[in-house]
Each structure stands twice: as structure tokens, then as C-alpha cells.
Amino acid sequence: MNELGARCACIFRSLDAPDLYFPGVGLDGIGAAPLAYAMLARSIMSHIRGTARLDMQPVGHKINHFAIPRYLAERDPGSYPEGRGWEWWRELALGTPDDRPYPLP
């Protein structure tokens, strides 16, 4: 995973084949994996539609599920509109009881 991550830009976009995405490669931890995958998938679809800009800059480190919305918001404002930024996602992650699945946005 670390070798693959080194070949990715914008957390999960392949440097070798820019239309290929590896959503899990840039994640740090798996505690909120379904929620993280939903956020990443949302931005991938926005990028494919042309409404997000997933750049080709390597990140160089993994990103935890709390930091994903902060990182992607500046690249995908349509998926992270005003009022649904980092604080909203943080509250969703922290406010969901452990015995309940995260609501997927």
C-alpha cells in the first residue's frame, strides 16, 4: 500500500494513469472506512463530471478520516458546500453511536 500510495496524487489518483483511482490507499486507519470511502467516492464522481479538481500533486502522507473533508473541500466545493465542511463531518463521525453505522451522505 505504501508503494502504491507513493504513486498517487491528491490522496488516491494514480500518477501513472490519471483516470484510475485507489480510494483506500491514502487513508490512515480504518475506524470510519465506510464514511471515508463515501467521501472519496463522492469527490471522484465530481471530478469525473468536471465539477471538482483533483490535482496531480502527491500528498506524501496518509490522511485520516477527520482530515479528508478538509483536504477535499478546497478541491470539490460542490460536495462540501457551506455548512457541510469539516465541522459538519467531524460531528457526524463523533456523534454517531458506536453501535450504529455511519449514515452515508
N, C-alpha and C. Protein backbone atom coordinates (compact mmCIF):
# COMPACT_ATOMS: atom_id res chain seq x y z
N MET A 1 0.82 -1.20 0.00
CA MET A 1 0.00 0.00 0.00
C MET A 1 0.85 1.26 0.00
N ASN A 2 1.97 1.23 0.72
CA ASN A 2 2.83 2.41 0.76
C ASN A 2 3.45 2.70 -0.60
N GLU A 3 3.86 1.65 -1.31
CA GLU A 3 4.41 1.85 -2.65
C GLU A 3 3.36 2.40 -3.60
N LEU A 4 2.15 1.86 -3.52
CA LEU A 4 1.07 2.36 -4.36
C LEU A 4 0.73 3.80 -3.98
N GLY A 5 0.69 4.09 -2.70
CA GLY A 5 0.40 5.45 -2.25
C GLY A 5 1.41 6.45 -2.75
N ALA A 6 2.66 6.04 -2.87
CA ALA A 6 3.70 6.93 -3.38
C ALA A 6 3.49 7.26 -4.86
N ARG A 7 2.70 6.46 -5.55
CA ARG A 7 2.42 6.68 -6.98
C ARG A 7 1.07 7.35 -7.19
N CYS A 8 0.53 7.94 -6.11
CA CYS A 8 -0.78 8.58 -6.21
C CYS A 8 -0.67 10.08 -5.90
N ALA A 9 -1.56 10.82 -6.52
CA ALA A 9 -1.69 12.25 -6.25
C ALA A 9 -3.04 12.49 -5.61
N CYS A 10 -3.20 13.61 -4.98
CA CYS A 10 -4.49 14.00 -4.40
C CYS A 10 -5.09 12.86 -3.59
N ILE A 11 -4.29 12.24 -2.77
CA ILE A 11 -4.60 11.11 -1.90
C ILE A 11 -4.72 9.80 -2.66
N PHE A 12 -5.45 9.76 -3.79
CA PHE A 12 -5.83 8.47 -4.36
C PHE A 12 -5.86 8.41 -5.88
N ARG A 13 -5.39 9.42 -6.57
CA ARG A 13 -5.42 9.45 -8.03
C ARG A 13 -4.07 8.97 -8.58
N SER A 14 -4.10 7.99 -9.46
CA SER A 14 -2.86 7.41 -9.99
C SER A 14 -2.08 8.44 -10.80
N LEU A 15 -0.78 8.54 -10.51
CA LEU A 15 0.10 9.41 -11.30
C LEU A 15 0.38 8.79 -12.67
N ASP A 16 0.35 7.47 -12.74
CA ASP A 16 0.65 6.77 -13.98
C ASP A 16 -0.55 6.70 -14.93
N ALA A 17 -1.73 6.64 -14.39
CA ALA A 17 -2.97 6.57 -15.17
C ALA A 17 -3.99 7.47 -14.48
N PRO A 18 -4.01 8.76 -14.81
CA PRO A 18 -4.83 9.73 -14.07
C PRO A 18 -6.33 9.45 -13.99
N ASP A 19 -6.83 8.55 -14.83
CA ASP A 19 -8.25 8.19 -14.76
C ASP A 19 -8.47 6.95 -13.90
N LEU A 20 -7.44 6.54 -13.15
CA LEU A 20 -7.52 5.39 -12.26
C LEU A 20 -7.42 5.89 -10.82
N TYR A 21 -8.32 5.44 -9.95
CA TYR A 21 -8.38 5.93 -8.57
C TYR A 21 -8.26 4.75 -7.61
N PHE A 22 -7.55 4.96 -6.52
CA PHE A 22 -7.37 3.97 -5.47
C PHE A 22 -7.86 4.58 -4.15
N PRO A 23 -9.16 4.56 -3.89
CA PRO A 23 -9.70 5.27 -2.73
C PRO A 23 -9.10 4.90 -1.37
N GLY A 24 -8.68 3.69 -1.15
CA GLY A 24 -8.20 3.30 0.17
C GLY A 24 -6.74 3.57 0.43
N VAL A 25 -5.97 3.86 -0.61
CA VAL A 25 -4.53 3.93 -0.45
C VAL A 25 -4.07 5.09 0.42
N GLY A 26 -4.80 6.17 0.46
CA GLY A 26 -4.36 7.34 1.22
C GLY A 26 -4.94 7.44 2.62
N LEU A 27 -5.72 6.44 3.03
CA LEU A 27 -6.39 6.52 4.33
C LEU A 27 -5.48 6.07 5.46
N ASP A 28 -5.58 6.74 6.55
CA ASP A 28 -4.84 6.39 7.76
C ASP A 28 -5.82 5.82 8.76
N GLY A 29 -5.81 4.53 8.96
CA GLY A 29 -6.75 3.89 9.87
C GLY A 29 -7.99 3.44 9.15
N ILE A 30 -8.77 2.59 9.81
CA ILE A 30 -9.98 2.06 9.18
C ILE A 30 -11.21 2.24 10.05
N GLY A 31 -11.12 3.01 11.10
CA GLY A 31 -12.23 3.16 12.02
C GLY A 31 -13.50 3.68 11.38
N ALA A 32 -13.39 4.52 10.43
CA ALA A 32 -14.56 5.08 9.76
C ALA A 32 -14.46 4.83 8.26
N ALA A 33 -14.01 3.66 7.88
CA ALA A 33 -13.78 3.34 6.47
C ALA A 33 -15.01 3.57 5.59
N PRO A 34 -16.22 3.10 5.95
CA PRO A 34 -17.36 3.34 5.06
C PRO A 34 -17.62 4.82 4.83
N LEU A 35 -17.50 5.61 5.87
CA LEU A 35 -17.71 7.04 5.73
C LEU A 35 -16.61 7.66 4.87
N ALA A 36 -15.37 7.27 5.09
CA ALA A 36 -14.25 7.78 4.29
C ALA A 36 -14.42 7.41 2.83
N TYR A 37 -14.78 6.16 2.57
CA TYR A 37 -14.98 5.74 1.18
C TYR A 37 -16.11 6.52 0.52
N ALA A 38 -17.16 6.82 1.26
CA ALA A 38 -18.26 7.61 0.71
C ALA A 38 -17.78 9.01 0.34
N MET A 39 -16.96 9.62 1.20
CA MET A 39 -16.45 10.96 0.89
C MET A 39 -15.55 10.93 -0.34
N LEU A 40 -14.66 9.94 -0.41
CA LEU A 40 -13.75 9.84 -1.54
C LEU A 40 -14.52 9.55 -2.83
N ALA A 41 -15.47 8.63 -2.79
CA ALA A 41 -16.25 8.29 -3.98
C ALA A 41 -17.02 9.51 -4.48
N ARG A 42 -17.54 10.27 -3.55
CA ARG A 42 -18.28 11.48 -3.92
C ARG A 42 -17.39 12.45 -4.72
N SER A 43 -16.17 12.65 -4.25
CA SER A 43 -15.26 13.57 -4.94
C SER A 43 -14.75 12.98 -6.25
N ILE A 44 -14.56 11.68 -6.31
CA ILE A 44 -14.16 11.05 -7.58
C ILE A 44 -15.25 11.29 -8.63
N MET A 45 -16.50 11.08 -8.25
CA MET A 45 -17.60 11.29 -9.21
C MET A 45 -17.70 12.76 -9.61
N SER A 46 -17.48 13.67 -8.68
CA SER A 46 -17.48 15.09 -9.02
C SER A 46 -16.36 15.42 -10.00
N HIS A 47 -15.21 14.82 -9.78
CA HIS A 47 -14.07 15.04 -10.68
C HIS A 47 -14.39 14.51 -12.09
N ILE A 48 -14.97 13.33 -12.16
CA ILE A 48 -15.32 12.75 -13.46
C ILE A 48 -16.34 13.62 -14.17
N ARG A 49 -17.29 14.19 -13.42
CA ARG A 49 -18.30 15.09 -14.01
C ARG A 49 -17.72 16.44 -14.38
N GLY A 50 -16.52 16.74 -13.89
CA GLY A 50 -15.90 18.03 -14.20
C GLY A 50 -16.22 19.13 -13.20
N THR A 51 -16.80 18.79 -12.06
CA THR A 51 -17.16 19.80 -11.07
C THR A 51 -16.21 19.84 -9.89
N ALA A 52 -15.18 18.99 -9.91
CA ALA A 52 -14.14 19.00 -8.88
C ALA A 52 -12.78 18.98 -9.56
N ARG A 53 -11.77 19.41 -8.85
CA ARG A 53 -10.41 19.45 -9.38
C ARG A 53 -9.49 18.63 -8.49
N LEU A 54 -9.34 17.36 -8.83
CA LEU A 54 -8.41 16.51 -8.09
C LEU A 54 -7.05 16.64 -8.76
N ASP A 55 -6.20 17.41 -8.16
CA ASP A 55 -4.92 17.76 -8.78
C ASP A 55 -3.98 16.56 -8.84
N MET A 56 -2.85 16.77 -9.48
CA MET A 56 -1.86 15.71 -9.66
C MET A 56 -0.66 15.89 -8.73
N GLN A 57 -0.86 16.57 -7.60
CA GLN A 57 0.20 16.76 -6.63
C GLN A 57 0.20 15.63 -5.61
N PRO A 58 1.32 14.91 -5.48
CA PRO A 58 1.38 13.88 -4.44
C PRO A 58 1.26 14.51 -3.05
N VAL A 59 0.60 13.80 -2.15
CA VAL A 59 0.41 14.30 -0.79
C VAL A 59 1.60 13.93 0.08
N GLY A 60 2.11 12.72 -0.09
CA GLY A 60 3.31 12.32 0.65
C GLY A 60 3.05 11.73 2.02
N HIS A 61 1.78 11.67 2.43
CA HIS A 61 1.43 11.06 3.71
C HIS A 61 -0.02 10.62 3.65
N LYS A 62 -0.40 9.79 4.58
CA LYS A 62 -1.78 9.34 4.65
C LYS A 62 -2.63 10.39 5.36
N ILE A 63 -3.92 10.33 5.13
CA ILE A 63 -4.85 11.30 5.71
C ILE A 63 -5.92 10.54 6.48
N ASN A 64 -6.19 10.96 7.72
CA ASN A 64 -7.22 10.26 8.49
C ASN A 64 -8.61 10.76 8.11
N HIS A 65 -9.62 10.01 8.55
CA HIS A 65 -10.99 10.32 8.13
C HIS A 65 -11.48 11.68 8.57
N PHE A 66 -10.91 12.24 9.64
CA PHE A 66 -11.30 13.59 10.05
C PHE A 66 -10.75 14.66 9.11
N ALA A 67 -9.62 14.39 8.48
CA ALA A 67 -8.97 15.38 7.62
C ALA A 67 -9.41 15.30 6.17
N ILE A 68 -10.05 14.21 5.77
CA ILE A 68 -10.46 14.07 4.38
C ILE A 68 -11.37 15.21 3.92
N PRO A 69 -12.45 15.55 4.65
CA PRO A 69 -13.29 16.65 4.16
C PRO A 69 -12.55 17.98 4.08
N ARG A 70 -11.66 18.21 5.02
CA ARG A 70 -10.87 19.46 4.99
C ARG A 70 -9.99 19.48 3.74
N TYR A 71 -9.38 18.35 3.43
CA TYR A 71 -8.50 18.25 2.27
C TYR A 71 -9.28 18.36 0.96
N LEU A 72 -10.41 17.65 0.86
CA LEU A 72 -11.16 17.63 -0.39
C LEU A 72 -12.03 18.86 -0.61
N ALA A 73 -12.42 19.55 0.44
CA ALA A 73 -13.33 20.70 0.30
C ALA A 73 -12.78 21.76 -0.63
N GLU A 74 -11.50 22.02 -0.57
CA GLU A 74 -10.95 23.05 -1.45
C GLU A 74 -10.84 22.57 -2.89
N ARG A 75 -10.93 21.28 -3.12
CA ARG A 75 -10.85 20.72 -4.47
C ARG A 75 -12.24 20.37 -5.02
N ASP A 76 -13.21 20.22 -4.13
CA ASP A 76 -14.55 19.77 -4.52
C ASP A 76 -15.62 20.55 -3.74
N PRO A 77 -15.78 21.83 -4.04
CA PRO A 77 -16.74 22.64 -3.27
C PRO A 77 -18.19 22.19 -3.43
N GLY A 78 -18.51 21.51 -4.53
CA GLY A 78 -19.88 21.03 -4.72
C GLY A 78 -20.28 19.95 -3.73
N SER A 79 -19.33 19.11 -3.35
CA SER A 79 -19.61 18.05 -2.38
C SER A 79 -19.48 18.53 -0.94
N TYR A 80 -18.85 19.67 -0.76
CA TYR A 80 -18.62 20.21 0.58
C TYR A 80 -19.07 21.67 0.61
N PRO A 81 -20.39 21.91 0.42
CA PRO A 81 -20.88 23.29 0.41
C PRO A 81 -20.81 23.93 1.79
N GLU A 82 -21.04 25.20 1.82
CA GLU A 82 -21.06 25.94 3.08
C GLU A 82 -21.98 25.24 4.06
N GLY A 83 -21.52 25.07 5.27
CA GLY A 83 -22.29 24.40 6.29
C GLY A 83 -22.08 22.90 6.33
N ARG A 84 -21.39 22.36 5.35
CA ARG A 84 -21.10 20.92 5.31
C ARG A 84 -19.60 20.71 5.17
N GLY A 85 -18.86 21.52 5.87
CA GLY A 85 -17.41 21.40 5.85
C GLY A 85 -16.92 20.46 6.92
N TRP A 86 -15.68 20.67 7.31
CA TRP A 86 -15.01 19.79 8.24
C TRP A 86 -15.79 19.63 9.54
N GLU A 87 -16.32 20.70 10.08
CA GLU A 87 -17.03 20.63 11.35
C GLU A 87 -18.26 19.73 11.26
N TRP A 88 -19.00 19.84 10.16
CA TRP A 88 -20.18 19.02 9.97
C TRP A 88 -19.81 17.54 9.93
N TRP A 89 -18.77 17.19 9.15
CA TRP A 89 -18.32 15.80 9.04
C TRP A 89 -17.75 15.30 10.36
N ARG A 90 -17.04 16.16 11.06
CA ARG A 90 -16.47 15.77 12.36
C ARG A 90 -17.59 15.43 13.33
N GLU A 91 -18.63 16.24 13.37
CA GLU A 91 -19.77 15.99 14.25
C GLU A 91 -20.48 14.69 13.85
N LEU A 92 -20.60 14.45 12.56
CA LEU A 92 -21.20 13.20 12.11
C LEU A 92 -20.39 12.00 12.60
N ALA A 93 -19.07 12.08 12.43
CA ALA A 93 -18.20 10.97 12.84
C ALA A 93 -18.20 10.78 14.35
N LEU A 94 -18.11 11.86 15.10
CA LEU A 94 -18.06 11.76 16.56
C LEU A 94 -19.43 11.54 17.19
N GLY A 95 -20.48 12.02 16.53
CA GLY A 95 -21.81 11.96 17.10
C GLY A 95 -22.58 10.68 16.79
N THR A 96 -22.04 9.85 15.92
CA THR A 96 -22.72 8.60 15.60
C THR A 96 -22.35 7.56 16.66
N PRO A 97 -23.32 7.00 17.35
CA PRO A 97 -23.01 6.00 18.38
C PRO A 97 -22.25 4.81 17.80
N ASP A 98 -21.43 4.20 18.62
CA ASP A 98 -20.60 3.09 18.17
C ASP A 98 -21.41 1.90 17.69
N ASP A 99 -22.62 1.75 18.18
CA ASP A 99 -23.42 0.59 17.79
C ASP A 99 -24.27 0.84 16.54
N ARG A 100 -24.09 2.01 15.90
CA ARG A 100 -24.85 2.35 14.70
C ARG A 100 -23.89 2.62 13.56
N PRO A 101 -24.25 2.23 12.34
CA PRO A 101 -23.38 2.56 11.20
C PRO A 101 -23.46 4.06 10.89
N TYR A 102 -22.40 4.56 10.31
CA TYR A 102 -22.41 5.96 9.88
C TYR A 102 -23.45 6.13 8.78
N PRO A 103 -24.24 7.21 8.84
CA PRO A 103 -25.14 7.48 7.73
C PRO A 103 -24.31 7.94 6.54
N LEU A 104 -24.49 7.31 5.41
CA LEU A 104 -23.71 7.68 4.24
C LEU A 104 -24.40 8.84 3.55
N PRO A 105 -23.65 9.90 3.30
CA PRO A 105 -24.24 11.11 2.71
C PRO A 105 -24.61 10.92 1.26
